[in-house]
């Protein structure tokens, strides 16, 4: 089990080559690892960082209800898909409620976001010893 600092450092290092290939994926890798890591299900560095931005903390607070290291928060690709579904659901809800439609939900950039988040989630999982 790696420490929070090890997870953070590895994500920063991984985001550099990812960002060279795709800047959106690189930024998403950083955000996915530093703010939205699988450890948002417990009291951790990412949660402490989110608390500095109350709207983001509130948005991601349902993750605190998951058991730590559950498959929903720690299993690669599944946890990435769940986080992406959560964001896109609320973007769709707000878009429809405000009459702006699904424009933000149907953008191709979400593929790069998903790739960046998946890389950070897989890296986290590997550093935790693939539990």
C-alpha atoms as a PDB file:
ATOM      1  CA  UNK A   1       0.000   0.000   0.000  1.00  0.00           C
ATOM      2  CA  UNK A   2       1.608   3.230  -1.125  1.00  0.00           C
ATOM      3  CA  UNK A   3       1.405   6.456   0.865  1.00  0.00           C
ATOM      4  CA  UNK A   4      -0.593   9.437  -0.320  1.00  0.00           C
ATOM      5  CA  UNK A   5       2.607  11.269  -1.226  1.00  0.00           C
ATOM      6  CA  UNK A   6       3.765   8.334  -3.360  1.00  0.00           C
ATOM      7  CA  UNK A   7       0.420   8.293  -5.181  1.00  0.00           C
ATOM      8  CA  UNK A   8       0.635  12.049  -5.763  1.00  0.00           C
ATOM      9  CA  UNK A   9       4.223  11.922  -7.047  1.00  0.00           C
ATOM     10  CA  UNK A  10       3.514   9.034  -9.408  1.00  0.00           C
ATOM     11  CA  UNK A  11       0.517  10.818 -10.912  1.00  0.00           C
ATOM     12  CA  UNK A  12       2.543  13.982 -11.499  1.00  0.00           C
ATOM     13  CA  UNK A  13       5.283  11.968 -13.243  1.00  0.00           C
ATOM     14  CA  UNK A  14       2.762   9.996 -15.328  1.00  0.00           C
ATOM     15  CA  UNK A  15       0.882  13.131 -16.368  1.00  0.00           C
ATOM     16  CA  UNK A  16       3.925  14.547 -18.164  1.00  0.00           C
ATOM     17  CA  UNK A  17       4.145  11.998 -21.023  1.00  0.00           C
ATOM     18  CA  UNK A  18       0.352  11.688 -21.124  1.00  0.00           C
ATOM     19  CA  UNK A  19       0.097  15.484 -21.447  1.00  0.00           C
ATOM     20  CA  UNK A  20       2.599  15.517 -24.298  1.00  0.00           C
ATOM     21  CA  UNK A  21       0.406  13.109 -26.263  1.00  0.00           C
ATOM     22  CA  UNK A  22      -2.896  14.726 -25.230  1.00  0.00           C
ATOM     23  CA  UNK A  23      -2.976  17.882 -23.097  1.00  0.00           C
ATOM     24  CA  UNK A  24      -6.575  17.211 -22.017  1.00  0.00           C
ATOM     25  CA  UNK A  25      -5.705  13.664 -20.932  1.00  0.00           C
ATOM     26  CA  UNK A  26      -2.611  14.949 -19.096  1.00  0.00           C
ATOM     27  CA  UNK A  27      -4.591  17.531 -17.136  1.00  0.00           C
ATOM     28  CA  UNK A  28      -7.283  14.922 -16.469  1.00  0.00           C
ATOM     29  CA  UNK A  29      -4.630  12.529 -15.183  1.00  0.00           C
ATOM     30  CA  UNK A  30      -3.495  15.196 -12.705  1.00  0.00           C
ATOM     31  CA  UNK A  31      -7.039  16.027 -11.639  1.00  0.00           C
ATOM     32  CA  UNK A  32      -7.936  12.343 -11.462  1.00  0.00           C
ATOM     33  CA  UNK A  33      -4.949  11.538  -9.286  1.00  0.00           C
ATOM     34  CA  UNK A  34      -4.683  14.611  -7.089  1.00  0.00           C
ATOM     35  CA  UNK A  35      -8.372  15.464  -6.553  1.00  0.00           C
ATOM     36  CA  UNK A  36     -10.461  12.480  -7.650  1.00  0.00           C
ATOM     37  CA  UNK A  37      -8.267   9.533  -6.723  1.00  0.00           C
ATOM     38  CA  UNK A  38      -9.853   6.276  -5.617  1.00  0.00           C
ATOM     39  CA  UNK A  39      -9.109   7.437  -2.060  1.00  0.00           C
ATOM     40  CA  UNK A  40     -11.933   9.997  -2.111  1.00  0.00           C
ATOM     41  CA  UNK A  41     -13.840   7.254  -0.278  1.00  0.00           C
ATOM     42  CA  UNK A  42     -11.915   7.970   2.954  1.00  0.00           C
ATOM     43  CA  UNK A  43     -10.141  10.793   4.784  1.00  0.00           C
ATOM     44  CA  UNK A  44      -7.154  11.334   2.492  1.00  0.00           C
ATOM     45  CA  UNK A  45      -5.093  13.978   0.703  1.00  0.00           C
ATOM     46  CA  UNK A  46      -7.601  14.279  -2.180  1.00  0.00           C
ATOM     47  CA  UNK A  47     -10.487  14.788   0.261  1.00  0.00           C
ATOM     48  CA  UNK A  48      -8.532  17.448   2.158  1.00  0.00           C
ATOM     49  CA  UNK A  49      -7.856  19.189  -1.161  1.00  0.00           C
ATOM     50  CA  UNK A  50     -11.525  19.001  -2.183  1.00  0.00           C
ATOM     51  CA  UNK A  51     -12.569  20.596   1.129  1.00  0.00           C
ATOM     52  CA  UNK A  52     -10.806  23.776  -0.030  1.00  0.00           C
ATOM     53  CA  UNK A  53     -13.433  23.977  -2.804  1.00  0.00           C
ATOM     54  CA  UNK A  54     -16.779  23.424  -1.031  1.00  0.00           C
ATOM     55  CA  UNK A  55     -18.889  22.970  -4.196  1.00  0.00           C
ATOM     56  CA  UNK A  56     -16.519  20.254  -5.454  1.00  0.00           C
ATOM     57  CA  UNK A  57     -16.377  18.642  -2.031  1.00  0.00           C
ATOM     58  CA  UNK A  58     -20.174  18.573  -1.880  1.00  0.00           C
ATOM     59  CA  UNK A  59     -20.372  17.164  -5.434  1.00  0.00           C
ATOM     60  CA  UNK A  60     -18.022  14.272  -4.635  1.00  0.00           C
ATOM     61  CA  UNK A  61     -19.181  13.673  -1.027  1.00  0.00           C
ATOM     62  CA  UNK A  62     -21.372  10.657  -1.971  1.00  0.00           C
ATOM     63  CA  UNK A  63     -18.118   8.741  -2.533  1.00  0.00           C
ATOM     64  CA  UNK A  64     -17.577   8.881   1.241  1.00  0.00           C
ATOM     65  CA  UNK A  65     -20.452   6.399   1.597  1.00  0.00           C
ATOM     66  CA  UNK A  66     -18.537   3.653  -0.208  1.00  0.00           C
ATOM     67  CA  UNK A  67     -16.471   1.222   1.824  1.00  0.00           C
ATOM     68  CA  UNK A  68     -12.773   2.067   1.471  1.00  0.00           C
ATOM     69  CA  UNK A  69     -11.138   0.074  -1.320  1.00  0.00           C
ATOM     70  CA  UNK A  70     -14.456  -1.243  -2.584  1.00  0.00           C
ATOM     71  CA  UNK A  71     -14.604  -2.270  -6.231  1.00  0.00           C
ATOM     72  CA  UNK A  72     -16.679   0.855  -6.924  1.00  0.00           C
ATOM     73  CA  UNK A  73     -13.870   3.189  -5.859  1.00  0.00           C
ATOM     74  CA  UNK A  74     -10.689   1.198  -6.455  1.00  0.00           C
ATOM     75  CA  UNK A  75     -11.160  -1.219  -9.351  1.00  0.00           C
ATOM     76  CA  UNK A  76      -9.671   0.355 -12.498  1.00  0.00           C
ATOM     77  CA  UNK A  77     -11.977   1.241 -15.363  1.00  0.00           C
ATOM     78  CA  UNK A  78     -15.071   0.496 -13.224  1.00  0.00           C
ATOM     79  CA  UNK A  79     -14.312   3.373 -10.838  1.00  0.00           C
ATOM     80  CA  UNK A  80     -13.337   5.576 -13.789  1.00  0.00           C
ATOM     81  CA  UNK A  81     -16.614   4.791 -15.555  1.00  0.00           C
ATOM     82  CA  UNK A  82     -18.574   5.462 -12.374  1.00  0.00           C
ATOM     83  CA  UNK A  83     -16.933   8.882 -11.854  1.00  0.00           C
ATOM     84  CA  UNK A  84     -17.433   9.811 -15.510  1.00  0.00           C
ATOM     85  CA  UNK A  85     -21.074   8.700 -15.398  1.00  0.00           C
ATOM     86  CA  UNK A  86     -21.595  10.817 -12.259  1.00  0.00           C
ATOM     87  CA  UNK A  87     -20.195  13.945 -13.943  1.00  0.00           C
ATOM     88  CA  UNK A  88     -22.032  13.418 -17.233  1.00  0.00           C
ATOM     89  CA  UNK A  89     -25.329  12.682 -15.483  1.00  0.00           C
ATOM     90  CA  UNK A  90     -25.212  16.002 -13.626  1.00  0.00           C
ATOM     91  CA  UNK A  91     -24.062  17.903 -16.711  1.00  0.00           C
ATOM     92  CA  UNK A  92     -26.990  16.426 -18.634  1.00  0.00           C
ATOM     93  CA  UNK A  93     -29.398  17.217 -15.802  1.00  0.00           C
ATOM     94  CA  UNK A  94     -28.257  20.842 -15.551  1.00  0.00           C
ATOM     95  CA  UNK A  95     -28.170  21.222 -19.339  1.00  0.00           C
ATOM     96  CA  UNK A  96     -31.714  19.961 -19.757  1.00  0.00           C
ATOM     97  CA  UNK A  97     -33.027  21.868 -16.716  1.00  0.00           C
ATOM     98  CA  UNK A  98     -31.596  25.150 -17.982  1.00  0.00           C
ATOM     99  CA  UNK A  99     -32.656  24.599 -21.594  1.00  0.00           C
ATOM    100  CA  UNK A 100     -29.083  24.297 -22.916  1.00  0.00           C
ATOM    101  CA  UNK A 101     -29.481  20.669 -23.935  1.00  0.00           C
ATOM    102  CA  UNK A 102     -26.793  18.011 -23.974  1.00  0.00           C
ATOM    103  CA  UNK A 103     -24.018  20.006 -25.627  1.00  0.00           C
ATOM    104  CA  UNK A 104     -21.501  19.560 -22.800  1.00  0.00           C
ATOM    105  CA  UNK A 105     -22.278  15.871 -22.454  1.00  0.00           C
ATOM    106  CA  UNK A 106     -21.818  14.982 -26.113  1.00  0.00           C
ATOM    107  CA  UNK A 107     -18.353  16.490 -26.575  1.00  0.00           C
ATOM    108  CA  UNK A 108     -15.549  14.231 -27.805  1.00  0.00           C
ATOM    109  CA  UNK A 109     -13.139  15.661 -25.214  1.00  0.00           C
ATOM    110  CA  UNK A 110     -14.730  13.373 -22.611  1.00  0.00           C
ATOM    111  CA  UNK A 111     -12.788  10.488 -24.184  1.00  0.00           C
ATOM    112  CA  UNK A 112      -9.527  12.244 -23.276  1.00  0.00           C
ATOM    113  CA  UNK A 113     -10.846  12.982 -19.793  1.00  0.00           C
ATOM    114  CA  UNK A 114     -11.748   9.304 -19.351  1.00  0.00           C
ATOM    115  CA  UNK A 115      -8.293   8.218 -20.536  1.00  0.00           C
ATOM    116  CA  UNK A 116      -6.573  10.596 -18.097  1.00  0.00           C
ATOM    117  CA  UNK A 117      -8.751   9.488 -15.194  1.00  0.00           C
ATOM    118  CA  UNK A 118      -8.257   5.816 -16.120  1.00  0.00           C
ATOM    119  CA  UNK A 119      -4.469   6.198 -16.188  1.00  0.00           C
ATOM    120  CA  UNK A 120      -4.452   7.769 -12.737  1.00  0.00           C
ATOM    121  CA  UNK A 121      -6.861   5.105 -11.390  1.00  0.00           C
ATOM    122  CA  UNK A 122      -4.805   2.233 -12.842  1.00  0.00           C
ATOM    123  CA  UNK A 123      -1.605   3.726 -11.437  1.00  0.00           C
ATOM    124  CA  UNK A 124      -3.250   4.061  -8.015  1.00  0.00           C
ATOM    125  CA  UNK A 125      -4.417   0.449  -8.166  1.00  0.00           C
ATOM    126  CA  UNK A 126      -0.949  -0.819  -9.154  1.00  0.00           C
ATOM    127  CA  UNK A 127       0.730   1.139  -6.353  1.00  0.00           C
ATOM    128  CA  UNK A 128      -1.768  -0.285  -3.858  1.00  0.00           C
ATOM    129  CA  UNK A 129      -0.626  -3.766  -4.873  1.00  0.00           C
ATOM    130  CA  UNK A 130      -3.600  -4.638  -7.094  1.00  0.00           C
ATOM    131  CA  UNK A 131      -5.922  -5.525  -4.207  1.00  0.00           C
END
